[in-house]
Amino acid sequence: MIEAHVVNARNKHLYERPFLTFLQRRREHCALRNRRALLNRDGPERDHFDTPQTTYLLGMRGDQVISSARLTPTTIANHMSGEFSDMCEHIRRPCHPDWADLSRTFVLPEYRDAGTTDTFGQLLCAVMEYCLDEGITHTGGVMPQFLLKYWLDLGWNVIPAGLPRLLSGEWHLVAYVDVNETSLRSARLHAGIDRPLMVRNGAQIPFIKLSRSPAMETVS
């Protein structure tokens, strides 16, 4: 079972070594595989949306990061609006303080199993737990189509925003889910989780307060 550590611009120094190691693994298994544009071609994987306004959930076992998710306010530039806004055909592009863009949802290959009780299922439970704790009402964005099956298997209410599209040889689509107590209970039931997964260490930044910040500096 993972522990999902909340990492932001104020407490990132507490996770410096594991976070850097994971960015390097994320580059190897996420960016290069999908031929994503990198800010630094020789170093850890980052893009223009790794900013001080970003919140990361790092799924850890011991001192090793094995999974992660990135959450960005929809009121500032985010992964969906920055690169894939034309895929949001069925609803108006989200730009609300209480909506979170979810991106870079990832599990290291050696920790991938099958079904909602695997590491992906645990990570998604942690995402729902964090969003509910922060007052976020919806989360989602552009994602590989296989991730949609996880959402449905967890019993979540899915809001499709557009048609699937083939990106880097894999089908992707834009979709969102409702954040509420029912969604969290359903996710925990299907994932076999009977306790909170979220861990908060050090200084925290309220997510909805972040959505009002105009600064867009790149995380170093």
C-alpha atoms as a PDB file:
ATOM      1  CA  MET A   1       0.000   0.000   0.000  1.00  0.00           C
ATOM      2  CA  ILE A   2       1.343   3.428  -0.915  1.00  0.00           C
ATOM      3  CA  GLU A   3       1.463   6.557   1.188  1.00  0.00           C
ATOM      4  CA  ALA A   4       0.515   9.590  -0.909  1.00  0.00           C
ATOM      5  CA  HIS A   5       2.698  12.526   0.139  1.00  0.00           C
ATOM      6  CA  VAL A   6       1.433  16.003  -0.734  1.00  0.00           C
ATOM      7  CA  VAL A   7       4.311  18.015  -2.216  1.00  0.00           C
ATOM      8  CA  ASN A   8       4.143  21.687  -3.144  1.00  0.00           C
ATOM      9  CA  ALA A   9       6.458  24.672  -3.524  1.00  0.00           C
ATOM     10  CA  ARG A  10       6.674  25.180   0.250  1.00  0.00           C
ATOM     11  CA  ASN A  11       7.586  21.671   1.361  1.00  0.00           C
ATOM     12  CA  LYS A  12       9.378  20.356  -1.736  1.00  0.00           C
ATOM     13  CA  HIS A  13      12.736  20.678   0.033  1.00  0.00           C
ATOM     14  CA  LEU A  14      11.680  17.836   2.343  1.00  0.00           C
ATOM     15  CA  TYR A  15      11.484  15.503  -0.665  1.00  0.00           C
ATOM     16  CA  GLU A  16      14.432  16.768  -2.689  1.00  0.00           C
ATOM     17  CA  ARG A  17      16.228  13.468  -3.310  1.00  0.00           C
ATOM     18  CA  PRO A  18      13.230  11.145  -3.940  1.00  0.00           C
ATOM     19  CA  PHE A  19      11.513  13.810  -6.035  1.00  0.00           C
ATOM     20  CA  LEU A  20      14.553  14.289  -8.283  1.00  0.00           C
ATOM     21  CA  THR A  21      14.994  10.537  -8.681  1.00  0.00           C
ATOM     22  CA  PHE A  22      11.374  10.141  -9.636  1.00  0.00           C
ATOM     23  CA  LEU A  23      11.498  12.948 -12.205  1.00  0.00           C
ATOM     24  CA  GLN A  24      14.343  11.053 -13.850  1.00  0.00           C
ATOM     25  CA  ARG A  25      12.278   7.849 -13.927  1.00  0.00           C
ATOM     26  CA  ARG A  26       9.269   9.793 -15.182  1.00  0.00           C
ATOM     27  CA  ARG A  27      11.412  11.030 -18.068  1.00  0.00           C
ATOM     28  CA  GLU A  28      12.465   7.505 -18.987  1.00  0.00           C
ATOM     29  CA  HIS A  29       9.056   5.870 -18.837  1.00  0.00           C
ATOM     30  CA  CYS A  30       6.652   8.729 -19.559  1.00  0.00           C
ATOM     31  CA  ALA A  31       8.073  11.598 -21.591  1.00  0.00           C
ATOM     32  CA  LEU A  32      10.450   9.744 -23.889  1.00  0.00           C
ATOM     33  CA  ARG A  33       8.008   6.909 -24.530  1.00  0.00           C
ATOM     34  CA  ASN A  34       5.294   9.383 -25.530  1.00  0.00           C
ATOM     35  CA  ARG A  35       7.710  11.737 -27.333  1.00  0.00           C
ATOM     36  CA  ARG A  36       6.736  14.684 -25.165  1.00  0.00           C
ATOM     37  CA  ALA A  37       8.515  18.014 -25.390  1.00  0.00           C
ATOM     38  CA  LEU A  38      11.000  18.481 -22.547  1.00  0.00           C
ATOM     39  CA  LEU A  39      12.288  21.718 -21.033  1.00  0.00           C
ATOM     40  CA  ASN A  40      15.591  20.026 -20.261  1.00  0.00           C
ATOM     41  CA  ARG A  41      16.576  17.298 -22.707  1.00  0.00           C
ATOM     42  CA  ASP A  42      19.434  16.001 -20.573  1.00  0.00           C
ATOM     43  CA  GLY A  43      17.968  16.219 -17.080  1.00  0.00           C
ATOM     44  CA  PRO A  44      14.798  15.241 -15.208  1.00  0.00           C
ATOM     45  CA  GLU A  45      11.479  15.292 -17.030  1.00  0.00           C
ATOM     46  CA  ARG A  46       9.622  18.600 -16.690  1.00  0.00           C
ATOM     47  CA  ASP A  47       7.294  20.652 -18.807  1.00  0.00           C
ATOM     48  CA  HIS A  48       5.836  24.167 -18.682  1.00  0.00           C
ATOM     49  CA  PHE A  49       3.210  23.137 -16.138  1.00  0.00           C
ATOM     50  CA  ASP A  50       5.643  22.063 -13.412  1.00  0.00           C
ATOM     51  CA  THR A  51       5.341  25.397 -11.604  1.00  0.00           C
ATOM     52  CA  PRO A  52       5.018  26.723  -8.030  1.00  0.00           C
ATOM     53  CA  GLN A  53       1.241  26.473  -8.514  1.00  0.00           C
ATOM     54  CA  THR A  54       1.492  22.714  -9.007  1.00  0.00           C
ATOM     55  CA  THR A  55       0.662  20.200  -6.296  1.00  0.00           C
ATOM     56  CA  TYR A  56       2.117  16.696  -6.565  1.00  0.00           C
ATOM     57  CA  LEU A  57       0.914  13.527  -4.920  1.00  0.00           C
ATOM     58  CA  LEU A  58       3.881  11.202  -4.611  1.00  0.00           C
ATOM     59  CA  GLY A  59       2.905   7.598  -3.996  1.00  0.00           C
ATOM     60  CA  MET A  60       5.701   6.220  -1.815  1.00  0.00           C
ATOM     61  CA  ARG A  61       6.684   2.876  -0.360  1.00  0.00           C
ATOM     62  CA  GLY A  62       9.285   3.546   2.273  1.00  0.00           C
ATOM     63  CA  ASP A  63      11.577   6.207   0.838  1.00  0.00           C
ATOM     64  CA  GLN A  64      10.937   5.293  -2.805  1.00  0.00           C
ATOM     65  CA  VAL A  65       8.497   7.153  -5.044  1.00  0.00           C
ATOM     66  CA  ILE A  66       6.700   4.610  -7.229  1.00  0.00           C
ATOM     67  CA  SER A  67       3.748   6.670  -8.503  1.00  0.00           C
ATOM     68  CA  SER A  68       2.653  10.258  -8.865  1.00  0.00           C
ATOM     69  CA  ALA A  69      -0.108  12.601  -9.936  1.00  0.00           C
ATOM     70  CA  ARG A  70       0.062  16.304 -10.718  1.00  0.00           C
ATOM     71  CA  LEU A  71      -2.761  18.740  -9.924  1.00  0.00           C
ATOM     72  CA  THR A  72      -2.933  22.246 -11.365  1.00  0.00           C
ATOM     73  CA  PRO A  73      -5.672  24.886 -10.976  1.00  0.00           C
ATOM     74  CA  THR A  74      -7.776  25.233 -14.121  1.00  0.00           C
ATOM     75  CA  THR A  75      -7.771  29.027 -13.694  1.00  0.00           C
ATOM     76  CA  ILE A  76      -4.123  29.168 -14.802  1.00  0.00           C
ATOM     77  CA  ALA A  77      -2.326  27.558 -17.734  1.00  0.00           C
ATOM     78  CA  ASN A  78      -2.543  23.800 -17.356  1.00  0.00           C
ATOM     79  CA  HIS A  79      -1.854  20.615 -19.294  1.00  0.00           C
ATOM     80  CA  MET A  80      -5.264  20.414 -20.956  1.00  0.00           C
ATOM     81  CA  SER A  81      -5.716  24.097 -21.746  1.00  0.00           C
ATOM     82  CA  GLY A  82      -2.121  24.534 -22.868  1.00  0.00           C
ATOM     83  CA  GLU A  83      -1.898  21.664 -25.347  1.00  0.00           C
ATOM     84  CA  PHE A  84      -5.230  19.911 -25.752  1.00  0.00           C
ATOM     85  CA  SER A  85      -8.009  22.504 -25.464  1.00  0.00           C
ATOM     86  CA  ASP A  86      -9.302  21.489 -28.910  1.00  0.00           C
ATOM     87  CA  MET A  87     -10.148  18.051 -27.441  1.00  0.00           C
ATOM     88  CA  CYS A  88     -12.708  19.612 -25.076  1.00  0.00           C
ATOM     89  CA  GLU A  89     -15.567  19.629 -27.597  1.00  0.00           C
ATOM     90  CA  HIS A  90     -18.604  18.650 -25.509  1.00  0.00           C
ATOM     91  CA  ILE A  91     -18.284  21.053 -22.584  1.00  0.00           C
ATOM     92  CA  ARG A  92     -16.868  24.532 -22.089  1.00  0.00           C
ATOM     93  CA  ARG A  93     -13.182  24.381 -21.210  1.00  0.00           C
ATOM     94  CA  PRO A  94     -12.994  24.333 -17.388  1.00  0.00           C
ATOM     95  CA  CYS A  95     -11.717  27.508 -15.771  1.00  0.00           C
ATOM     96  CA  HIS A  96     -12.981  27.323 -12.205  1.00  0.00           C
ATOM     97  CA  PRO A  97     -11.172  27.765  -8.856  1.00  0.00           C
ATOM     98  CA  ASP A  98     -12.590  24.480  -7.578  1.00  0.00           C
ATOM     99  CA  TRP A  99     -11.677  22.352 -10.636  1.00  0.00           C
ATOM    100  CA  ALA A 100      -8.249  20.685 -10.797  1.00  0.00           C
ATOM    101  CA  ASP A 101      -6.394  19.614 -13.924  1.00  0.00           C
ATOM    102  CA  LEU A 102      -5.012  16.118 -13.323  1.00  0.00           C
ATOM    103  CA  SER A 103      -1.958  15.125 -15.342  1.00  0.00           C
ATOM    104  CA  ARG A 104       1.215  13.016 -15.306  1.00  0.00           C
ATOM    105  CA  THR A 105      -0.638  10.232 -13.471  1.00  0.00           C
ATOM    106  CA  PHE A 106       2.010   7.554 -13.489  1.00  0.00           C
ATOM    107  CA  VAL A 107       3.139   4.291 -11.877  1.00  0.00           C
ATOM    108  CA  LEU A 108       6.586   2.828 -12.404  1.00  0.00           C
ATOM    109  CA  PRO A 109       6.286  -0.220 -14.693  1.00  0.00           C
ATOM    110  CA  GLU A 110       7.602  -2.675 -12.129  1.00  0.00           C
ATOM    111  CA  TYR A 111       4.723  -1.769  -9.782  1.00  0.00           C
ATOM    112  CA  ARG A 112       1.896  -2.098 -12.291  1.00  0.00           C
ATOM    113  CA  ASP A 113      -0.515  -4.972 -11.769  1.00  0.00           C
ATOM    114  CA  ALA A 114      -4.132  -5.203 -12.841  1.00  0.00           C
ATOM    115  CA  GLY A 115      -7.432  -4.130 -11.360  1.00  0.00           C
ATOM    116  CA  THR A 116      -8.533  -1.385  -9.014  1.00  0.00           C
ATOM    117  CA  THR A 117      -6.551  -2.798  -6.063  1.00  0.00           C
ATOM    118  CA  ASP A 118      -3.193  -2.189  -7.769  1.00  0.00           C
ATOM    119  CA  THR A 119      -0.969   0.859  -7.345  1.00  0.00           C
ATOM    120  CA  PHE A 120      -2.957   2.867  -9.919  1.00  0.00           C
ATOM    121  CA  GLY A 121      -6.146   2.257  -7.962  1.00  0.00           C
ATOM    122  CA  GLN A 122      -4.452   3.319  -4.744  1.00  0.00           C
ATOM    123  CA  LEU A 123      -3.102   6.484  -6.381  1.00  0.00           C
ATOM    124  CA  LEU A 124      -6.532   7.437  -7.706  1.00  0.00           C
ATOM    125  CA  CYS A 125      -8.007   6.941  -4.235  1.00  0.00           C
ATOM    126  CA  ALA A 126      -5.369   9.352  -2.920  1.00  0.00           C
ATOM    127  CA  VAL A 127      -6.258  11.882  -5.645  1.00  0.00           C
ATOM    128  CA  MET A 128      -9.925  11.755  -4.645  1.00  0.00           C
ATOM    129  CA  GLU A 129      -8.974  12.031  -0.952  1.00  0.00           C
ATOM    130  CA  TYR A 130      -6.801  15.112  -1.586  1.00  0.00           C
ATOM    131  CA  CYS A 131      -9.387  16.807  -3.818  1.00  0.00           C
ATOM    132  CA  LEU A 132     -12.153  16.297  -1.286  1.00  0.00           C
ATOM    133  CA  ASP A 133      -9.941  17.599   1.520  1.00  0.00           C
ATOM    134  CA  GLU A 134      -9.140  20.739  -0.488  1.00  0.00           C
ATOM    135  CA  GLY A 135     -12.701  21.577  -1.524  1.00  0.00           C
ATOM    136  CA  ILE A 136     -12.133  20.671  -5.183  1.00  0.00           C
ATOM    137  CA  THR A 137     -15.400  19.675  -6.871  1.00  0.00           C
ATOM    138  CA  HIS A 138     -14.115  18.149 -10.138  1.00  0.00           C
ATOM    139  CA  THR A 139     -10.832  16.812 -11.419  1.00  0.00           C
ATOM    140  CA  GLY A 140      -9.635  15.391 -14.699  1.00  0.00           C
ATOM    141  CA  GLY A 141      -8.111  16.442 -17.990  1.00  0.00           C
ATOM    142  CA  VAL A 142      -6.488  14.716 -20.938  1.00  0.00           C
ATOM    143  CA  MET A 143      -5.571  11.128 -20.197  1.00  0.00           C
ATOM    144  CA  PRO A 144      -4.877   7.775 -21.841  1.00  0.00           C
ATOM    145  CA  GLN A 145      -8.059   5.851 -22.454  1.00  0.00           C
ATOM    146  CA  PHE A 146      -7.040   2.960 -20.183  1.00  0.00           C
ATOM    147  CA  LEU A 147      -7.212   5.336 -17.210  1.00  0.00           C
ATOM    148  CA  LEU A 148     -10.903   5.944 -17.921  1.00  0.00           C
ATOM    149  CA  LYS A 149     -11.549   2.257 -17.194  1.00  0.00           C
ATOM    150  CA  TYR A 150      -9.998   2.697 -13.741  1.00  0.00           C
ATOM    151  CA  TRP A 151     -12.336   5.631 -13.066  1.00  0.00           C
ATOM    152  CA  LEU A 152     -15.378   3.596 -14.093  1.00  0.00           C
ATOM    153  CA  ASP A 153     -14.231   0.536 -12.144  1.00  0.00           C
ATOM    154  CA  LEU A 154     -13.914   2.734  -9.029  1.00  0.00           C
ATOM    155  CA  GLY A 155     -17.571   3.694  -9.434  1.00  0.00           C
ATOM    156  CA  TRP A 156     -16.934   7.326 -10.327  1.00  0.00           C
ATOM    157  CA  ASN A 157     -19.299   9.577 -12.268  1.00  0.00           C
ATOM    158  CA  VAL A 158     -17.407  10.437 -15.449  1.00  0.00           C
ATOM    159  CA  ILE A 159     -18.065  13.584 -17.513  1.00  0.00           C
ATOM    160  CA  PRO A 160     -16.683  13.074 -21.053  1.00  0.00           C
ATOM    161  CA  ALA A 161     -15.495  16.359 -22.531  1.00  0.00           C
ATOM    162  CA  GLY A 162     -14.624  15.236 -26.035  1.00  0.00           C
ATOM    163  CA  LEU A 163     -13.938  12.387 -28.435  1.00  0.00           C
ATOM    164  CA  PRO A 164     -10.875  10.119 -28.123  1.00  0.00           C
ATOM    165  CA  ARG A 165      -7.861  11.007 -30.217  1.00  0.00           C
ATOM    166  CA  LEU A 166      -4.744   9.047 -31.116  1.00  0.00           C
ATOM    167  CA  LEU A 167      -1.707  10.711 -29.525  1.00  0.00           C
ATOM    168  CA  SER A 168       1.774   9.197 -29.745  1.00  0.00           C
ATOM    169  CA  GLY A 169       0.266   5.878 -30.778  1.00  0.00           C
ATOM    170  CA  GLU A 170      -2.177   5.696 -27.825  1.00  0.00           C
ATOM    171  CA  TRP A 171      -5.827   6.732 -27.542  1.00  0.00           C
ATOM    172  CA  HIS A 172      -6.434   9.727 -25.253  1.00  0.00           C
ATOM    173  CA  LEU A 173      -9.484  11.750 -24.299  1.00  0.00           C
ATOM    174  CA  VAL A 174     -10.495  14.620 -22.016  1.00  0.00           C
ATOM    175  CA  ALA A 175     -12.811  13.739 -19.125  1.00  0.00           C
ATOM    176  CA  TYR A 176     -13.608  14.823 -15.567  1.00  0.00           C
ATOM    177  CA  VAL A 177     -15.065  13.199 -12.462  1.00  0.00           C
ATOM    178  CA  ASP A 178     -17.204  14.488  -9.616  1.00  0.00           C
ATOM    179  CA  VAL A 179     -15.407  14.877  -6.287  1.00  0.00           C
ATOM    180  CA  ASN A 180     -17.577  14.003  -3.298  1.00  0.00           C
ATOM    181  CA  GLU A 181     -17.802  11.680  -0.297  1.00  0.00           C
ATOM    182  CA  THR A 182     -19.648   9.058  -2.339  1.00  0.00           C
ATOM    183  CA  SER A 183     -16.823   8.937  -4.884  1.00  0.00           C
ATOM    184  CA  LEU A 184     -14.221   8.517  -2.141  1.00  0.00           C
ATOM    185  CA  ARG A 185     -16.173   5.748  -0.396  1.00  0.00           C
ATOM    186  CA  SER A 186     -16.711   3.932  -3.680  1.00  0.00           C
ATOM    187  CA  ALA A 187     -13.038   4.205  -4.629  1.00  0.00           C
ATOM    188  CA  ARG A 188     -11.874   2.866  -1.275  1.00  0.00           C
ATOM    189  CA  LEU A 189     -14.354  -0.010  -1.442  1.00  0.00           C
ATOM    190  CA  HIS A 190     -13.275  -1.096  -4.925  1.00  0.00           C
ATOM    191  CA  ALA A 191      -9.569  -0.592  -4.189  1.00  0.00           C
ATOM    192  CA  GLY A 192      -9.702  -2.475  -0.893  1.00  0.00           C
ATOM    193  CA  ILE A 193      -8.562   0.533   1.146  1.00  0.00           C
ATOM    194  CA  ASP A 194      -9.833   1.082   4.681  1.00  0.00           C
ATOM    195  CA  ARG A 195      -7.775   4.091   5.756  1.00  0.00           C
ATOM    196  CA  PRO A 196      -6.554   7.469   4.481  1.00  0.00           C
ATOM    197  CA  LEU A 197      -3.514   7.338   2.194  1.00  0.00           C
ATOM    198  CA  MET A 198      -2.601  11.031   2.206  1.00  0.00           C
ATOM    199  CA  VAL A 199       0.423  12.292   4.161  1.00  0.00           C
ATOM    200  CA  ARG A 200       1.099  15.991   4.753  1.00  0.00           C
ATOM    201  CA  ASN A 201       4.535  17.054   5.959  1.00  0.00           C
ATOM    202  CA  GLY A 202       5.796  20.598   6.337  1.00  0.00           C
ATOM    203  CA  ALA A 203       4.142  23.755   5.048  1.00  0.00           C
ATOM    204  CA  GLN A 204       0.998  23.382   2.972  1.00  0.00           C
ATOM    205  CA  ILE A 205      -0.586  25.637   0.368  1.00  0.00           C
ATOM    206  CA  PRO A 206      -4.384  25.600  -0.048  1.00  0.00           C
ATOM    207  CA  PHE A 207      -5.130  24.470  -3.598  1.00  0.00           C
ATOM    208  CA  ILE A 208      -7.984  26.884  -4.244  1.00  0.00           C
ATOM    209  CA  LYS A 209      -5.864  29.801  -3.007  1.00  0.00           C
ATOM    210  CA  LEU A 210      -3.245  28.728  -5.580  1.00  0.00           C
ATOM    211  CA  SER A 211      -5.807  29.147  -8.327  1.00  0.00           C
ATOM    212  CA  ARG A 212      -5.814  32.896  -7.753  1.00  0.00           C
ATOM    213  CA  SER A 213      -2.043  33.279  -8.063  1.00  0.00           C
ATOM    214  CA  PRO A 214      -0.815  34.926 -11.290  1.00  0.00           C
ATOM    215  CA  ALA A 215       2.817  33.795 -10.959  1.00  0.00           C
ATOM    216  CA  MET A 216       3.967  31.105 -13.408  1.00  0.00           C
ATOM    217  CA  GLU A 217       7.607  30.444 -12.647  1.00  0.00           C
ATOM    218  CA  THR A 218       9.080  27.067 -13.512  1.00  0.00           C
ATOM    219  CA  VAL A 219       9.915  24.716 -10.650  1.00  0.00           C
ATOM    220  CA  SER A 220      13.642  24.128 -10.356  1.00  0.00           C
END
